[in-house]
N, C-alpha and C. Protein backbone atom coordinates (compact mmCIF):
# COMPACT_ATOMS: atom_id res chain seq x y z
N UNK A 1 123.04 138.00 96.92
CA UNK A 1 121.78 137.39 97.28
C UNK A 1 121.13 138.23 98.37
N UNK A 2 119.88 138.57 98.21
CA UNK A 2 119.17 139.33 99.23
C UNK A 2 118.70 138.38 100.32
N UNK A 3 118.33 138.95 101.47
CA UNK A 3 117.86 138.13 102.59
C UNK A 3 116.64 137.32 102.22
N UNK A 4 115.82 137.82 101.31
CA UNK A 4 114.60 137.12 100.92
C UNK A 4 114.86 135.93 100.00
N UNK A 5 116.10 135.74 99.55
CA UNK A 5 116.41 134.65 98.64
C UNK A 5 117.20 133.54 99.31
N UNK A 6 117.48 133.68 100.59
CA UNK A 6 118.29 132.69 101.28
C UNK A 6 117.53 131.42 101.62
N UNK A 7 118.26 130.43 102.11
CA UNK A 7 117.66 129.13 102.40
C UNK A 7 116.56 129.18 103.45
N UNK A 8 116.60 130.14 104.35
CA UNK A 8 115.53 130.24 105.35
C UNK A 8 114.17 130.50 104.72
N UNK A 9 114.15 131.07 103.55
CA UNK A 9 112.90 131.42 102.89
C UNK A 9 112.39 130.32 101.96
N UNK A 10 113.03 129.16 102.02
CA UNK A 10 112.67 128.06 101.11
C UNK A 10 112.31 126.78 101.86
N UNK A 11 111.80 126.89 103.06
CA UNK A 11 111.51 125.72 103.87
C UNK A 11 110.09 125.19 103.71
N UNK A 12 109.20 125.96 103.11
CA UNK A 12 107.81 125.51 102.96
C UNK A 12 107.77 124.18 102.22
N UNK A 13 107.00 123.25 102.75
CA UNK A 13 106.88 121.93 102.15
C UNK A 13 107.78 120.89 102.82
N UNK A 14 108.76 121.33 103.59
CA UNK A 14 109.65 120.40 104.29
C UNK A 14 108.94 119.83 105.52
N UNK A 15 109.50 118.76 106.06
CA UNK A 15 108.95 118.12 107.25
C UNK A 15 110.11 117.89 108.23
N UNK A 16 109.86 118.15 109.51
CA UNK A 16 110.89 117.92 110.52
C UNK A 16 110.91 116.44 110.89
N UNK A 17 111.99 116.01 111.54
CA UNK A 17 112.13 114.61 111.92
C UNK A 17 111.09 114.16 112.95
N UNK A 18 110.48 115.13 113.65
CA UNK A 18 109.48 114.77 114.67
C UNK A 18 108.03 115.03 114.23
N UNK A 19 107.81 115.11 112.90
CA UNK A 19 106.45 115.10 112.40
C UNK A 19 105.79 116.43 112.10
N UNK A 20 106.53 117.52 112.09
CA UNK A 20 105.94 118.83 111.77
C UNK A 20 106.16 119.15 110.30
N UNK A 21 105.08 119.49 109.60
CA UNK A 21 105.17 119.93 108.21
C UNK A 21 105.22 121.45 108.20
N UNK A 22 106.19 122.00 107.49
CA UNK A 22 106.32 123.45 107.38
C UNK A 22 105.39 123.90 106.26
N UNK A 23 104.36 124.65 106.63
CA UNK A 23 103.28 124.97 105.72
C UNK A 23 103.53 126.26 104.92
N UNK A 24 103.76 127.35 105.64
CA UNK A 24 103.77 128.64 104.96
C UNK A 24 104.65 129.65 105.67
N UNK A 25 105.42 130.40 104.90
CA UNK A 25 106.23 131.49 105.42
C UNK A 25 105.33 132.60 105.91
N UNK A 26 105.60 133.12 107.10
CA UNK A 26 104.85 134.26 107.63
C UNK A 26 105.48 135.52 107.08
N UNK A 27 104.74 136.23 106.26
CA UNK A 27 105.24 137.47 105.64
C UNK A 27 105.11 138.63 106.62
N UNK A 28 106.18 139.39 106.77
CA UNK A 28 106.14 140.58 107.62
C UNK A 28 105.64 141.77 106.81
N UNK A 29 104.98 142.67 107.49
CA UNK A 29 104.51 143.91 106.87
C UNK A 29 105.67 144.90 106.81
N UNK A 30 105.56 145.91 105.97
CA UNK A 30 106.62 146.93 105.82
C UNK A 30 107.00 147.58 107.14
N UNK A 31 106.01 147.81 107.99
CA UNK A 31 106.24 148.53 109.23
C UNK A 31 106.81 147.63 110.34
N UNK A 32 106.85 146.34 110.12
CA UNK A 32 107.39 145.43 111.12
C UNK A 32 108.90 145.34 110.96
N UNK A 33 109.61 145.46 112.06
CA UNK A 33 111.08 145.44 112.02
C UNK A 33 111.61 144.28 112.84
N UNK A 34 112.91 144.09 112.79
CA UNK A 34 113.55 143.05 113.57
C UNK A 34 113.66 141.75 112.81
N UNK A 35 114.12 140.73 113.50
CA UNK A 35 114.28 139.38 112.95
C UNK A 35 115.15 139.36 111.70
N UNK A 36 116.28 140.01 111.79
CA UNK A 36 117.20 140.06 110.64
C UNK A 36 117.80 138.70 110.31
N UNK A 37 117.87 137.81 111.29
CA UNK A 37 118.52 136.52 111.08
C UNK A 37 117.57 135.35 111.29
N UNK A 38 116.26 135.61 111.21
CA UNK A 38 115.29 134.54 111.37
C UNK A 38 114.02 134.87 110.59
N UNK A 39 113.24 133.83 110.32
CA UNK A 39 111.93 134.00 109.69
C UNK A 39 110.96 133.05 110.38
N UNK A 40 109.67 133.34 110.27
CA UNK A 40 108.66 132.51 110.90
C UNK A 40 107.86 131.72 109.88
N UNK A 41 107.39 130.56 110.32
CA UNK A 41 106.56 129.70 109.48
C UNK A 41 105.38 129.18 110.28
N UNK A 42 104.27 128.98 109.59
CA UNK A 42 103.15 128.24 110.16
C UNK A 42 103.45 126.77 109.92
N UNK A 43 103.22 125.93 110.94
CA UNK A 43 103.51 124.52 110.83
C UNK A 43 102.32 123.69 111.33
N UNK A 44 102.26 122.44 110.89
CA UNK A 44 101.20 121.53 111.31
C UNK A 44 101.81 120.17 111.60
N UNK A 45 101.47 119.63 112.78
CA UNK A 45 101.97 118.31 113.16
C UNK A 45 101.09 117.24 112.54
N UNK A 46 101.65 116.06 112.36
CA UNK A 46 100.89 114.96 111.76
C UNK A 46 99.69 114.56 112.60
N UNK A 47 99.66 114.94 113.88
CA UNK A 47 98.50 114.64 114.73
C UNK A 47 97.44 115.75 114.70
N UNK A 48 97.66 116.79 113.87
CA UNK A 48 96.67 117.85 113.70
C UNK A 48 96.96 119.15 114.43
N UNK A 49 97.91 119.15 115.36
CA UNK A 49 98.26 120.40 116.04
C UNK A 49 98.85 121.38 115.06
N UNK A 50 98.63 122.68 115.33
CA UNK A 50 99.22 123.73 114.51
C UNK A 50 100.11 124.59 115.39
N UNK A 51 101.11 125.21 114.78
CA UNK A 51 102.03 126.00 115.58
C UNK A 51 102.84 126.96 114.73
N UNK A 52 103.85 127.52 115.37
CA UNK A 52 104.75 128.50 114.76
C UNK A 52 106.17 127.98 114.89
N UNK A 53 106.93 128.09 113.81
CA UNK A 53 108.33 127.71 113.82
C UNK A 53 109.16 128.95 113.51
N UNK A 54 110.17 129.19 114.32
CA UNK A 54 111.10 130.29 114.05
C UNK A 54 112.40 129.66 113.54
N UNK A 55 112.70 129.91 112.27
CA UNK A 55 113.91 129.37 111.65
C UNK A 55 115.03 130.39 111.78
N UNK A 56 116.18 129.95 112.26
CA UNK A 56 117.33 130.83 112.50
C UNK A 56 118.46 130.51 111.54
N UNK A 57 119.19 131.55 111.14
CA UNK A 57 120.36 131.41 110.30
C UNK A 57 121.58 131.68 111.17
N UNK A 58 122.33 130.64 111.50
CA UNK A 58 123.49 130.78 112.37
C UNK A 58 124.78 131.08 111.60
N UNK A 59 124.69 131.20 110.28
CA UNK A 59 125.90 131.48 109.50
C UNK A 59 126.24 132.89 109.59
């Protein structure tokens, strides 16, 4: 399984227990490096706030 097929890349559409909906995976450009064990998502709270979620793989 490649890094792009792991569970961290399948969180879009989920909702956290405190009201944040995970909207969209932030795609990195070819020239961007780092974050081998994490990915970023755009998120939106049920009250309308928007933010960034960094999902980590501790395995």
